[in-house]
N, C-alpha and C. Protein backbone atom coordinates (compact mmCIF):
# COMPACT_ATOMS: atom_id res chain seq x y z
N UNK A 1 14.04 5.91 -54.48
CA UNK A 1 13.80 6.53 -55.93
C UNK A 1 14.64 5.62 -56.97
N UNK A 2 14.25 5.48 -58.15
CA UNK A 2 14.90 4.79 -59.19
C UNK A 2 14.81 5.65 -60.38
N UNK A 3 15.44 5.17 -61.48
CA UNK A 3 15.31 6.11 -62.94
C UNK A 3 14.72 5.20 -63.93
N UNK A 4 14.62 3.98 -63.69
CA UNK A 4 14.10 2.98 -64.71
C UNK A 4 15.07 2.55 -65.76
N UNK A 5 16.58 2.90 -65.41
CA UNK A 5 17.57 2.38 -66.35
C UNK A 5 17.94 0.78 -65.78
N UNK A 6 17.44 -0.02 -66.32
CA UNK A 6 17.97 -1.46 -65.74
C UNK A 6 19.18 -1.75 -65.89
N UNK A 7 19.83 -2.18 -64.56
CA UNK A 7 21.30 -2.46 -64.65
C UNK A 7 21.61 -3.88 -64.80
N UNK A 8 20.77 -4.75 -64.69
CA UNK A 8 21.21 -6.20 -65.28
C UNK A 8 19.80 -7.02 -65.30
N UNK A 9 19.78 -8.05 -65.96
CA UNK A 9 18.75 -9.14 -65.99
C UNK A 9 19.19 -10.00 -64.84
N UNK A 10 18.35 -10.34 -63.86
CA UNK A 10 18.59 -11.31 -62.75
C UNK A 10 17.84 -12.44 -63.11
N UNK A 11 18.12 -13.73 -62.34
CA UNK A 11 17.46 -14.82 -62.29
C UNK A 11 16.91 -15.29 -60.87
N UNK A 12 15.28 -15.58 -61.07
CA UNK A 12 14.91 -16.16 -59.70
C UNK A 12 15.43 -17.42 -59.28
N UNK A 13 16.02 -17.65 -58.01
CA UNK A 13 16.88 -18.81 -57.63
C UNK A 13 15.63 -19.71 -57.02
N UNK A 14 15.01 -18.96 -56.07
CA UNK A 14 13.96 -19.82 -55.32
C UNK A 14 12.67 -18.96 -55.06
N UNK A 15 11.51 -19.49 -54.65
CA UNK A 15 10.42 -18.87 -54.03
C UNK A 15 9.79 -19.77 -53.01
N UNK A 16 10.15 -19.14 -51.65
CA UNK A 16 9.72 -20.11 -50.66
C UNK A 16 8.28 -19.20 -50.07
N UNK A 17 7.31 -20.40 -49.98
CA UNK A 17 5.97 -19.77 -49.70
C UNK A 17 6.06 -19.57 -48.01
N UNK A 18 5.52 -18.29 -47.47
CA UNK A 18 5.47 -18.06 -46.12
C UNK A 18 4.09 -17.83 -45.88
N UNK A 19 3.14 -18.37 -46.43
CA UNK A 19 1.45 -18.23 -46.18
C UNK A 19 0.99 -17.01 -46.79
N UNK A 20 1.22 -16.07 -46.14
CA UNK A 20 0.71 -14.60 -46.47
C UNK A 20 1.67 -14.03 -47.10
N UNK A 21 2.74 -14.23 -47.63
CA UNK A 21 3.74 -13.79 -48.31
C UNK A 21 4.75 -14.95 -48.92
N UNK A 22 5.66 -14.34 -49.79
CA UNK A 22 6.76 -15.36 -50.46
C UNK A 22 7.95 -14.56 -50.33
N UNK A 23 9.08 -15.48 -49.89
CA UNK A 23 10.39 -14.96 -49.83
C UNK A 23 11.04 -15.53 -51.06
N UNK A 24 11.46 -14.32 -51.92
CA UNK A 24 12.01 -14.35 -53.34
C UNK A 24 13.61 -14.43 -53.15
N UNK A 25 14.35 -15.38 -53.63
CA UNK A 25 15.73 -15.14 -53.88
C UNK A 25 16.15 -14.97 -55.25
N UNK A 26 16.92 -13.84 -55.66
CA UNK A 26 17.31 -13.69 -57.15
C UNK A 26 18.78 -13.54 -57.09
N UNK A 27 19.33 -14.07 -58.20
CA UNK A 27 20.89 -13.97 -58.56
C UNK A 27 20.90 -12.90 -59.28
N UNK A 28 21.70 -11.83 -59.03
CA UNK A 28 22.08 -10.62 -59.66
C UNK A 28 23.46 -10.11 -59.27
N UNK A 29 24.54 -10.47 -59.77
CA UNK A 29 25.83 -10.02 -59.27
C UNK A 29 26.24 -8.52 -59.38
N UNK A 30 25.41 -7.84 -60.32
CA UNK A 30 25.72 -6.38 -60.23
C UNK A 30 25.13 -5.87 -59.26
N UNK A 31 23.77 -6.16 -59.01
CA UNK A 31 23.09 -5.11 -57.89
C UNK A 31 23.34 -5.60 -56.49
N UNK A 32 23.99 -6.82 -56.34
CA UNK A 32 24.45 -7.39 -55.15
C UNK A 32 25.72 -7.04 -54.81
N UNK A 33 26.59 -6.39 -55.58
CA UNK A 33 27.95 -5.97 -55.47
C UNK A 33 28.17 -4.91 -54.30
N UNK A 34 27.13 -4.20 -54.04
CA UNK A 34 27.33 -3.35 -52.69
C UNK A 34 26.02 -3.44 -51.99
N UNK A 35 25.31 -4.35 -52.25
CA UNK A 35 23.96 -4.56 -51.59
C UNK A 35 24.01 -4.71 -50.08
N UNK A 36 23.27 -3.95 -49.17
CA UNK A 36 23.37 -4.34 -47.68
C UNK A 36 21.84 -4.77 -47.37
N UNK A 37 21.82 -5.38 -46.12
CA UNK A 37 20.51 -5.56 -45.50
C UNK A 37 19.82 -4.49 -45.46
N UNK A 38 18.45 -4.27 -45.96
CA UNK A 38 17.63 -3.19 -45.85
C UNK A 38 17.61 -2.13 -46.95
N UNK A 39 18.69 -2.43 -47.88
CA UNK A 39 18.70 -1.67 -49.25
C UNK A 39 17.43 -1.86 -50.20
N UNK A 40 17.42 -0.93 -51.10
CA UNK A 40 16.22 -1.22 -52.00
C UNK A 40 16.60 -1.74 -53.35
N UNK A 41 16.02 -2.50 -53.87
CA UNK A 41 16.24 -2.84 -55.33
C UNK A 41 14.92 -3.28 -56.09
N UNK A 42 14.94 -2.56 -57.36
CA UNK A 42 13.54 -2.59 -57.83
C UNK A 42 13.51 -4.01 -58.74
N UNK A 43 12.79 -4.87 -58.71
CA UNK A 43 12.41 -6.25 -59.36
C UNK A 43 11.23 -6.03 -60.34
N UNK A 44 11.53 -5.95 -61.61
CA UNK A 44 10.48 -5.82 -62.53
C UNK A 44 9.75 -4.54 -62.22
N UNK A 45 10.24 -3.40 -61.40
CA UNK A 45 9.53 -2.36 -61.39
C UNK A 45 9.16 -2.20 -60.06
N UNK A 46 9.19 -3.10 -59.21
CA UNK A 46 8.62 -3.20 -57.78
C UNK A 46 9.78 -3.01 -57.01
N UNK A 47 9.55 -1.99 -55.92
CA UNK A 47 10.63 -1.81 -55.02
C UNK A 47 10.71 -2.80 -53.93
N UNK A 48 11.79 -3.58 -53.79
CA UNK A 48 11.53 -4.59 -52.63
C UNK A 48 12.88 -4.31 -51.64
N UNK A 49 12.90 -4.80 -50.59
CA UNK A 49 13.71 -4.72 -49.44
C UNK A 49 14.61 -5.81 -49.23
N UNK A 50 15.97 -5.61 -49.48
CA UNK A 50 16.93 -6.59 -49.49
C UNK A 50 17.10 -7.24 -48.06
N UNK A 51 16.97 -8.44 -48.02
CA UNK A 51 17.56 -9.48 -46.74
C UNK A 51 18.41 -10.34 -47.40
N UNK A 52 19.35 -10.89 -46.59
CA UNK A 52 20.22 -11.94 -46.60
C UNK A 52 21.16 -11.84 -48.02
N UNK A 53 21.65 -10.72 -48.19
CA UNK A 53 22.38 -10.61 -49.52
C UNK A 53 23.85 -11.51 -49.21
N UNK A 54 24.18 -11.86 -50.45
CA UNK A 54 25.22 -12.94 -50.56
C UNK A 54 26.06 -12.18 -51.88
N UNK A 55 27.32 -12.76 -52.15
CA UNK A 55 28.16 -12.25 -53.27
C UNK A 55 27.35 -12.10 -54.57
N UNK A 56 26.34 -12.80 -54.86
CA UNK A 56 25.58 -12.67 -55.95
C UNK A 56 24.20 -12.86 -56.02
N UNK A 57 23.64 -13.10 -54.81
CA UNK A 57 22.33 -13.28 -54.44
C UNK A 57 21.77 -12.47 -53.50
N UNK A 58 20.28 -12.11 -53.50
CA UNK A 58 19.52 -11.36 -52.31
C UNK A 58 18.42 -11.99 -52.22
N UNK A 59 17.84 -11.84 -51.15
CA UNK A 59 16.47 -12.28 -50.85
C UNK A 59 15.27 -10.99 -50.48
N UNK A 60 14.11 -11.11 -50.64
CA UNK A 60 13.25 -10.42 -50.27
C UNK A 60 11.83 -10.82 -49.94
N UNK A 61 11.18 -10.29 -49.05
CA UNK A 61 10.01 -10.64 -48.80
C UNK A 61 8.86 -9.82 -49.34
N UNK A 62 7.97 -10.64 -50.13
CA UNK A 62 6.95 -10.07 -50.85
C UNK A 62 5.63 -10.36 -50.46
N UNK A 63 4.81 -9.32 -49.84
CA UNK A 63 3.50 -9.38 -49.21
C UNK A 63 2.35 -10.03 -50.15
N UNK A 64 1.31 -10.54 -49.74
CA UNK A 64 0.21 -11.04 -50.60
C UNK A 64 -0.37 -9.95 -51.35
N UNK A 65 -0.32 -8.79 -50.92
CA UNK A 65 -1.10 -7.74 -51.84
C UNK A 65 -0.06 -7.37 -53.01
N UNK A 66 1.19 -7.14 -52.72
CA UNK A 66 1.98 -7.13 -54.00
C UNK A 66 2.06 -8.42 -54.75
N UNK A 67 1.94 -9.69 -54.53
CA UNK A 67 1.70 -10.70 -55.28
C UNK A 67 0.42 -10.54 -56.08
N UNK A 68 -0.78 -9.96 -55.53
CA UNK A 68 -1.93 -9.95 -56.13
C UNK A 68 -1.92 -8.61 -57.06
N UNK A 69 -1.33 -7.82 -56.77
CA UNK A 69 -1.39 -6.37 -57.59
C UNK A 69 -0.32 -6.35 -58.74
N UNK A 70 0.60 -7.29 -58.69
CA UNK A 70 1.94 -6.86 -59.68
C UNK A 70 1.98 -8.32 -60.37
N UNK A 71 3.02 -8.43 -61.24
CA UNK A 71 3.23 -9.64 -61.85
C UNK A 71 4.18 -10.59 -61.21
N UNK A 72 4.64 -9.96 -60.10
CA UNK A 72 5.55 -10.80 -59.17
C UNK A 72 4.98 -12.15 -58.82
N UNK A 73 3.77 -12.24 -58.81
CA UNK A 73 2.90 -13.37 -58.61
C UNK A 73 2.96 -14.42 -59.69
N UNK A 74 3.55 -14.12 -60.63
CA UNK A 74 3.64 -14.90 -61.78
C UNK A 74 5.12 -15.70 -62.07
N UNK A 75 5.74 -14.99 -61.25
CA UNK A 75 7.38 -15.59 -61.31
C UNK A 75 7.29 -16.82 -60.67
N UNK A 76 8.48 -17.68 -61.35
CA UNK A 76 8.81 -19.20 -60.86
C UNK A 76 10.34 -19.03 -61.04
N UNK A 77 10.76 -20.17 -60.42
CA UNK A 77 12.41 -20.50 -60.16
C UNK A 77 12.71 -20.35 -61.74
N UNK A 78 13.61 -19.66 -62.11
CA UNK A 78 14.27 -19.49 -63.43
C UNK A 78 13.85 -18.29 -64.21
N UNK A 79 12.89 -17.72 -63.65
CA UNK A 79 12.37 -16.48 -64.45
C UNK A 79 13.46 -15.55 -64.44
N UNK A 80 13.40 -14.78 -65.65
CA UNK A 80 14.45 -13.59 -65.63
C UNK A 80 13.64 -12.25 -65.25
N UNK A 81 14.10 -11.39 -64.46
CA UNK A 81 13.66 -10.17 -63.84
C UNK A 81 14.55 -9.07 -64.27
N UNK A 82 14.06 -7.67 -64.47
CA UNK A 82 14.98 -6.69 -64.56
C UNK A 82 15.31 -6.29 -62.98
N UNK A 83 16.62 -5.72 -62.85
CA UNK A 83 17.04 -5.29 -61.65
C UNK A 83 17.87 -4.00 -61.68
N UNK A 84 17.51 -3.07 -60.66
CA UNK A 84 17.83 -1.90 -60.62
C UNK A 84 17.96 -1.35 -59.14
N UNK A 85 19.14 -0.85 -58.81
CA UNK A 85 19.52 -0.31 -57.56
C UNK A 85 18.98 0.96 -57.43
N UNK A 86 18.59 1.48 -55.91
CA UNK A 86 18.02 2.75 -55.82
C UNK A 86 19.20 3.54 -56.30
N UNK A 87 18.58 4.88 -56.82
CA UNK A 87 19.62 5.95 -57.09
C UNK A 87 20.25 6.53 -55.96
N UNK A 88 21.46 6.79 -56.27
CA UNK A 88 22.37 7.65 -55.30
C UNK A 88 22.12 9.05 -55.39
N UNK A 89 22.21 9.81 -54.52
CA UNK A 89 21.90 11.35 -54.51
C UNK A 89 23.36 11.79 -55.12
N UNK A 90 22.96 12.67 -56.17
CA UNK A 90 23.94 13.23 -57.12
C UNK A 90 24.23 12.65 -58.20
N UNK A 91 23.83 11.28 -58.45
CA UNK A 91 23.99 10.59 -59.68
C UNK A 91 23.06 11.24 -60.73
N UNK A 92 23.75 10.84 -62.13
CA UNK A 92 23.08 11.51 -63.11
C UNK A 92 21.72 10.69 -63.39
N UNK A 93 20.52 11.33 -63.69
CA UNK A 93 19.46 10.79 -63.92
C UNK A 93 19.09 10.52 -65.29
N UNK A 94 19.25 9.36 -65.70
CA UNK A 94 19.16 9.04 -67.30
C UNK A 94 17.93 8.69 -67.82
N UNK A 95 16.94 8.24 -66.76
CA UNK A 95 15.69 7.86 -67.25
C UNK A 95 14.64 8.89 -66.81
N UNK A 96 13.77 8.55 -66.19
CA UNK A 96 12.84 9.82 -65.45
C UNK A 96 12.50 9.16 -63.87
N UNK A 97 11.85 9.92 -63.25
CA UNK A 97 11.60 9.64 -61.68
C UNK A 97 10.63 8.27 -61.71
N UNK A 98 11.33 7.54 -61.02
CA UNK A 98 10.33 6.12 -60.78
C UNK A 98 10.38 5.78 -59.31
N UNK A 99 9.20 5.48 -58.84
CA UNK A 99 9.25 5.28 -57.39
C UNK A 99 9.33 3.97 -56.89
N UNK A 100 9.26 3.04 -58.03
CA UNK A 100 9.14 1.41 -57.48
C UNK A 100 7.84 1.13 -57.13
N UNK A 101 6.86 1.89 -57.27
CA UNK A 101 5.44 1.71 -56.72
C UNK A 101 4.34 1.36 -57.95
N UNK A 102 4.18 -0.13 -58.13
CA UNK A 102 3.47 -0.24 -59.44
C UNK A 102 1.85 0.10 -59.23
N UNK A 103 1.51 0.80 -60.32
CA UNK A 103 0.27 1.30 -60.46
C UNK A 103 -0.71 0.33 -61.00
N UNK A 104 -0.31 -0.70 -61.76
CA UNK A 104 -1.38 -1.76 -62.34
C UNK A 104 -0.41 -2.66 -63.23
N UNK A 105 -1.15 -3.60 -63.73
CA UNK A 105 -0.29 -4.45 -64.89
C UNK A 105 -1.10 -4.23 -66.14
N UNK A 106 -0.36 -4.72 -67.26
CA UNK A 106 -1.03 -4.76 -68.53
C UNK A 106 -0.44 -5.88 -69.19
N UNK A 107 -1.15 -6.36 -70.34
CA UNK A 107 -0.80 -7.45 -71.14
C UNK A 107 -0.20 -6.89 -72.42
N UNK A 108 0.86 -7.73 -72.92
CA UNK A 108 1.38 -7.40 -74.14
C UNK A 108 0.49 -7.88 -75.22
N UNK A 109 0.16 -7.00 -75.99
CA UNK A 109 -0.59 -7.43 -77.11
C UNK A 109 -0.12 -7.82 -78.56
N UNK A 110 0.84 -7.26 -78.88
CA UNK A 110 1.64 -7.54 -79.95
C UNK A 110 2.99 -7.00 -80.10
N UNK A 111 3.89 -7.52 -81.02
CA UNK A 111 4.93 -7.06 -81.43
C UNK A 111 5.27 -6.83 -82.92
N UNK A 112 5.72 -5.73 -83.41
CA UNK A 112 6.05 -5.39 -84.88
C UNK A 112 7.63 -5.12 -84.92
N UNK A 113 8.18 -6.09 -85.43
CA UNK A 113 9.75 -6.03 -85.47
C UNK A 113 9.96 -5.08 -86.83
N UNK A 114 11.08 -4.09 -86.60
CA UNK A 114 11.60 -3.33 -87.80
C UNK A 114 13.07 -3.86 -87.98
N UNK A 115 13.68 -3.09 -88.84
CA UNK A 115 15.16 -3.46 -88.91
C UNK A 115 15.99 -3.13 -87.82
N UNK A 116 15.81 -2.13 -87.11
CA UNK A 116 16.71 -1.51 -85.99
C UNK A 116 16.12 -1.43 -84.88
N UNK A 117 14.59 -1.54 -84.73
CA UNK A 117 13.85 -1.54 -83.39
C UNK A 117 12.80 -2.22 -83.52
N UNK A 118 11.81 -2.37 -82.44
CA UNK A 118 10.68 -3.13 -82.65
C UNK A 118 9.54 -2.33 -81.79
N UNK A 119 8.54 -2.16 -82.24
CA UNK A 119 7.24 -1.50 -81.74
C UNK A 119 6.61 -2.54 -81.03
N UNK A 120 6.29 -2.34 -79.65
CA UNK A 120 5.40 -3.25 -78.96
C UNK A 120 4.23 -2.42 -78.37
N UNK A 121 3.02 -3.17 -78.24
CA UNK A 121 1.93 -2.64 -77.89
C UNK A 121 1.35 -3.44 -76.71
N UNK A 122 0.89 -2.48 -75.68
CA UNK A 122 0.27 -3.28 -74.56
C UNK A 122 -1.08 -2.78 -74.15
N UNK A 123 -1.96 -3.55 -73.42
CA UNK A 123 -3.11 -3.08 -72.90
C UNK A 123 -3.01 -1.90 -71.99
N UNK A 124 -3.93 -1.22 -71.70
CA UNK A 124 -3.84 -0.06 -71.00
C UNK A 124 -4.88 -0.09 -69.91
N UNK A 125 -4.85 -0.12 -68.73
CA UNK A 125 -5.96 -0.19 -67.79
C UNK A 125 -6.81 1.03 -67.73
N UNK A 126 -8.13 1.31 -67.77
CA UNK A 126 -8.99 2.31 -67.90
C UNK A 126 -8.53 3.22 -66.87
N UNK A 127 -8.20 2.87 -65.78
CA UNK A 127 -7.99 3.73 -64.41
C UNK A 127 -6.50 4.64 -64.78
N UNK A 128 -5.77 3.97 -65.47
CA UNK A 128 -4.37 4.62 -65.62
C UNK A 128 -4.38 5.42 -66.96
N UNK A 129 -5.42 5.31 -68.07
CA UNK A 129 -5.38 5.83 -69.25
C UNK A 129 -5.19 7.41 -69.25
N UNK A 130 -5.68 8.09 -68.38
CA UNK A 130 -5.49 9.58 -68.35
C UNK A 130 -4.00 10.12 -67.92
N UNK A 131 -3.27 9.00 -67.44
CA UNK A 131 -1.83 9.51 -67.04
C UNK A 131 -0.94 9.14 -68.16
N UNK A 132 -1.35 8.59 -69.49
CA UNK A 132 -0.51 8.04 -70.41
C UNK A 132 -0.80 9.00 -71.65
N UNK A 133 0.35 9.49 -72.31
CA UNK A 133 0.19 10.47 -73.43
C UNK A 133 1.35 10.27 -74.32
N UNK A 134 1.00 10.44 -75.66
CA UNK A 134 2.00 10.30 -76.56
C UNK A 134 3.40 11.13 -76.25
N UNK A 135 4.36 10.64 -76.48
CA UNK A 135 5.80 11.08 -75.95
C UNK A 135 6.15 11.34 -74.44
N UNK A 136 5.19 10.65 -73.68
CA UNK A 136 5.36 11.00 -72.29
C UNK A 136 6.15 9.74 -71.88
N UNK A 137 6.42 9.63 -70.44
CA UNK A 137 7.20 8.75 -69.90
C UNK A 137 6.39 7.57 -69.21
N UNK A 138 6.70 6.27 -69.09
CA UNK A 138 6.05 5.31 -68.57
C UNK A 138 7.09 4.25 -68.29
N UNK A 139 6.72 3.51 -67.15
CA UNK A 139 7.69 2.41 -66.71
C UNK A 139 7.15 1.08 -66.94
N UNK A 140 7.69 0.24 -67.81
CA UNK A 140 7.19 -1.19 -68.02
C UNK A 140 8.33 -2.00 -67.50
N UNK A 141 7.70 -2.98 -66.62
CA UNK A 141 8.68 -4.03 -65.92
C UNK A 141 10.12 -3.17 -65.27
N UNK A 142 9.76 -1.96 -65.00
CA UNK A 142 10.95 -1.26 -64.25
C UNK A 142 11.84 -0.45 -65.24
N UNK A 143 11.43 -0.62 -66.56
CA UNK A 143 12.20 0.12 -67.55
C UNK A 143 11.57 1.44 -68.17
N UNK A 144 12.33 2.41 -67.96
CA UNK A 144 11.98 3.71 -68.37
C UNK A 144 11.77 3.84 -69.94
N UNK A 145 10.55 4.05 -70.38
CA UNK A 145 10.16 4.11 -71.65
C UNK A 145 9.38 5.53 -72.14
N UNK A 146 9.48 5.78 -73.42
CA UNK A 146 8.75 6.98 -73.99
C UNK A 146 7.52 6.20 -74.86
N UNK A 147 6.39 6.72 -74.47
CA UNK A 147 5.28 6.31 -75.14
C UNK A 147 5.17 6.74 -76.68
N UNK A 148 5.03 6.04 -77.61
CA UNK A 148 4.97 6.39 -78.91
C UNK A 148 3.55 6.78 -79.24
N UNK A 149 2.55 5.96 -78.92
CA UNK A 149 1.31 6.29 -79.12
C UNK A 149 0.19 5.72 -78.08
N UNK A 150 -0.74 6.64 -77.55
CA UNK A 150 -1.63 6.21 -76.61
C UNK A 150 -3.03 6.10 -77.10
N UNK A 151 -3.54 5.03 -77.10
CA UNK A 151 -4.84 4.86 -77.27
C UNK A 151 -5.78 4.84 -76.05
N UNK A 152 -6.98 4.64 -76.41
CA UNK A 152 -7.89 4.54 -75.21
C UNK A 152 -7.74 3.37 -74.20
N UNK A 153 -7.50 2.29 -74.86
CA UNK A 153 -7.14 1.18 -73.91
C UNK A 153 -5.93 0.43 -74.20
N UNK A 154 -5.09 1.06 -74.91
CA UNK A 154 -3.63 0.37 -75.35
C UNK A 154 -2.57 1.73 -75.36
N UNK A 155 -1.23 1.38 -75.39
CA UNK A 155 -0.39 2.29 -75.66
C UNK A 155 0.97 1.49 -76.21
N UNK A 156 1.43 2.28 -77.18
CA UNK A 156 2.81 1.30 -77.70
C UNK A 156 4.16 2.35 -77.50
N UNK A 157 5.16 1.21 -77.56
CA UNK A 157 6.48 1.87 -77.27
C UNK A 157 7.30 1.22 -78.48
N UNK A 158 8.59 1.91 -78.40
CA UNK A 158 9.51 1.43 -79.51
C UNK A 158 10.83 1.02 -78.67
N UNK A 159 11.05 -0.29 -78.87
CA UNK A 159 12.47 -0.67 -78.01
C UNK A 159 13.64 -0.89 -79.10
N UNK A 160 14.72 -0.12 -78.50
CA UNK A 160 15.83 -0.18 -79.41
C UNK A 160 16.61 -1.44 -79.03
N UNK A 161 17.56 -1.80 -79.99
CA UNK A 161 18.43 -3.10 -79.63
C UNK A 161 18.96 -3.17 -78.12
N UNK A 162 19.55 -2.25 -77.53
CA UNK A 162 19.88 -2.30 -76.41
C UNK A 162 18.76 -2.75 -75.15
N UNK A 163 17.77 -2.00 -75.36
CA UNK A 163 16.53 -2.59 -74.43
C UNK A 163 16.29 -3.93 -74.69
N UNK A 164 16.24 -4.24 -75.98
CA UNK A 164 15.61 -5.80 -76.40
C UNK A 164 16.70 -6.61 -75.83
N UNK A 165 17.99 -6.40 -75.71
CA UNK A 165 19.15 -7.23 -75.42
C UNK A 165 19.19 -7.37 -73.83
N UNK A 166 19.00 -6.10 -73.29
CA UNK A 166 19.68 -5.86 -71.86
C UNK A 166 18.40 -5.99 -70.84
N UNK A 167 17.10 -6.01 -71.30
CA UNK A 167 15.97 -6.39 -70.33
C UNK A 167 15.12 -7.44 -70.77
N UNK A 168 14.17 -7.79 -69.87
CA UNK A 168 13.38 -8.89 -69.99
C UNK A 168 12.38 -8.67 -71.14
N UNK A 169 12.28 -7.17 -71.39
CA UNK A 169 11.11 -6.84 -72.73
C UNK A 169 11.54 -7.41 -73.81
N UNK A 170 12.68 -7.96 -74.14
CA UNK A 170 13.16 -8.58 -75.23
C UNK A 170 12.62 -9.96 -75.51
N UNK A 171 12.32 -10.48 -74.23
CA UNK A 171 11.72 -12.15 -74.33
C UNK A 171 10.16 -11.96 -73.97
N UNK A 172 9.54 -10.91 -73.74
CA UNK A 172 8.07 -10.84 -73.59
C UNK A 172 7.34 -11.23 -74.68
N UNK A 173 6.14 -12.17 -74.47
CA UNK A 173 5.39 -12.63 -75.54
C UNK A 173 4.06 -12.08 -75.38
N UNK A 174 3.12 -11.90 -76.65
CA UNK A 174 1.87 -11.61 -76.54
C UNK A 174 1.17 -12.52 -75.37
N UNK A 175 0.39 -11.81 -74.66
CA UNK A 175 -0.39 -12.45 -73.60
C UNK A 175 0.38 -12.57 -72.14
N UNK A 176 1.82 -12.05 -72.06
CA UNK A 176 2.52 -11.89 -70.85
C UNK A 176 2.05 -10.57 -70.10
N UNK A 177 2.01 -10.72 -68.74
CA UNK A 177 1.77 -9.58 -67.99
C UNK A 177 3.00 -9.00 -67.58
N UNK A 178 2.92 -7.44 -67.41
CA UNK A 178 3.98 -6.66 -67.21
C UNK A 178 3.30 -5.60 -65.99
N UNK A 179 4.30 -5.09 -65.31
CA UNK A 179 4.11 -4.14 -64.24
C UNK A 179 4.16 -2.74 -64.92
N UNK A 180 3.25 -1.79 -64.46
CA UNK A 180 3.32 -0.36 -65.28
C UNK A 180 3.38 0.39 -63.83
N UNK A 181 4.19 1.66 -64.14
CA UNK A 181 4.20 2.77 -63.25
C UNK A 181 3.96 3.85 -63.99
N UNK A 182 2.96 4.70 -63.92
CA UNK A 182 2.81 5.91 -64.54
C UNK A 182 3.58 7.07 -64.12
N UNK A 183 3.67 8.13 -64.87
CA UNK A 183 4.56 9.28 -64.48
C UNK A 183 4.07 9.79 -63.10
N UNK A 184 4.69 9.90 -62.32
CA UNK A 184 4.25 10.51 -60.68
C UNK A 184 3.78 11.96 -60.64
N UNK A 185 4.58 12.61 -61.64
CA UNK A 185 4.30 14.11 -61.91
C UNK A 185 2.91 14.21 -62.43
N UNK A 186 2.44 13.59 -63.40
CA UNK A 186 1.12 13.66 -63.85
C UNK A 186 0.02 13.38 -62.59
N UNK A 187 0.27 12.42 -61.77
CA UNK A 187 -0.56 12.12 -60.58
C UNK A 187 -0.50 13.38 -59.60
N UNK A 188 0.61 14.11 -59.62
CA UNK A 188 0.55 15.21 -58.67
C UNK A 188 -0.32 16.36 -59.32
N UNK A 189 -0.04 16.75 -60.54
CA UNK A 189 -0.78 17.66 -61.14
C UNK A 189 -2.09 17.40 -61.16
N UNK A 190 -2.53 16.39 -61.29
CA UNK A 190 -4.06 15.87 -61.20
C UNK A 190 -4.59 16.30 -59.84
N UNK A 191 -3.89 16.09 -58.77
CA UNK A 191 -4.30 16.07 -57.57
C UNK A 191 -4.39 17.33 -57.17
N UNK A 192 -3.30 18.33 -57.56
CA UNK A 192 -3.37 19.85 -57.31
C UNK A 192 -4.55 20.34 -57.94
N UNK A 193 -4.80 19.99 -59.28
CA UNK A 193 -5.69 20.75 -59.97
C UNK A 193 -7.36 20.42 -59.17
N UNK A 194 -7.21 18.96 -58.82
CA UNK A 194 -8.61 18.83 -57.99
C UNK A 194 -8.81 19.55 -56.67
N UNK A 195 -7.68 19.75 -55.93
CA UNK A 195 -7.65 20.55 -54.91
C UNK A 195 -7.97 21.97 -55.07
N UNK A 196 -7.37 22.54 -56.24
CA UNK A 196 -7.63 23.78 -56.54
C UNK A 196 -9.06 24.12 -56.77
N UNK A 197 -9.87 23.22 -57.62
CA UNK A 197 -10.97 23.23 -58.06
C UNK A 197 -12.14 23.25 -56.91
N UNK A 198 -11.51 22.81 -55.63
CA UNK A 198 -12.66 22.67 -54.39
C UNK A 198 -12.14 23.50 -53.48
N UNK A 199 -11.28 24.68 -53.65
CA UNK A 199 -10.60 25.55 -52.66
C UNK A 199 -11.45 27.07 -53.12
């Protein structure tokens, strides 16, 4: 489990093609400071399993399905990524419950700068729209955010200076693809209501 509070921006060092998968190596001294083989680290919101950790890098194998269903397939050497270690039991929950299971991708539509923040609008896949509500939680590239406004096929968020500086969302441009994870509680409620209606 994660919280959507990005710990650092890492850098993709290498991508090794394994045929039906890719081994990605990422430099991130904060998240590797105590990383061990088999630990979980969220990369742009995707939970990956650590292999071959070093003092400041780690590698992870990304299967073809993950490459096809997330924006990890867009990465190249030198790309910046959001990194977060799995939450420790008993730690303070600063964001919201994030599983690291990407529900879909969206495209950045536009950015509207203000004096102290920036409003960013993203496309919203039809199959996820019912889970996104005004003032609800959503994870964009592993970053826990509050939805400002939810339209039928788009949603907007406001990014404060810290988020703009400390996550990759500060450098995303219109047309860039991002990973989305909707609030898991909304999905459980929907499932329970469906089961209740048929019982």
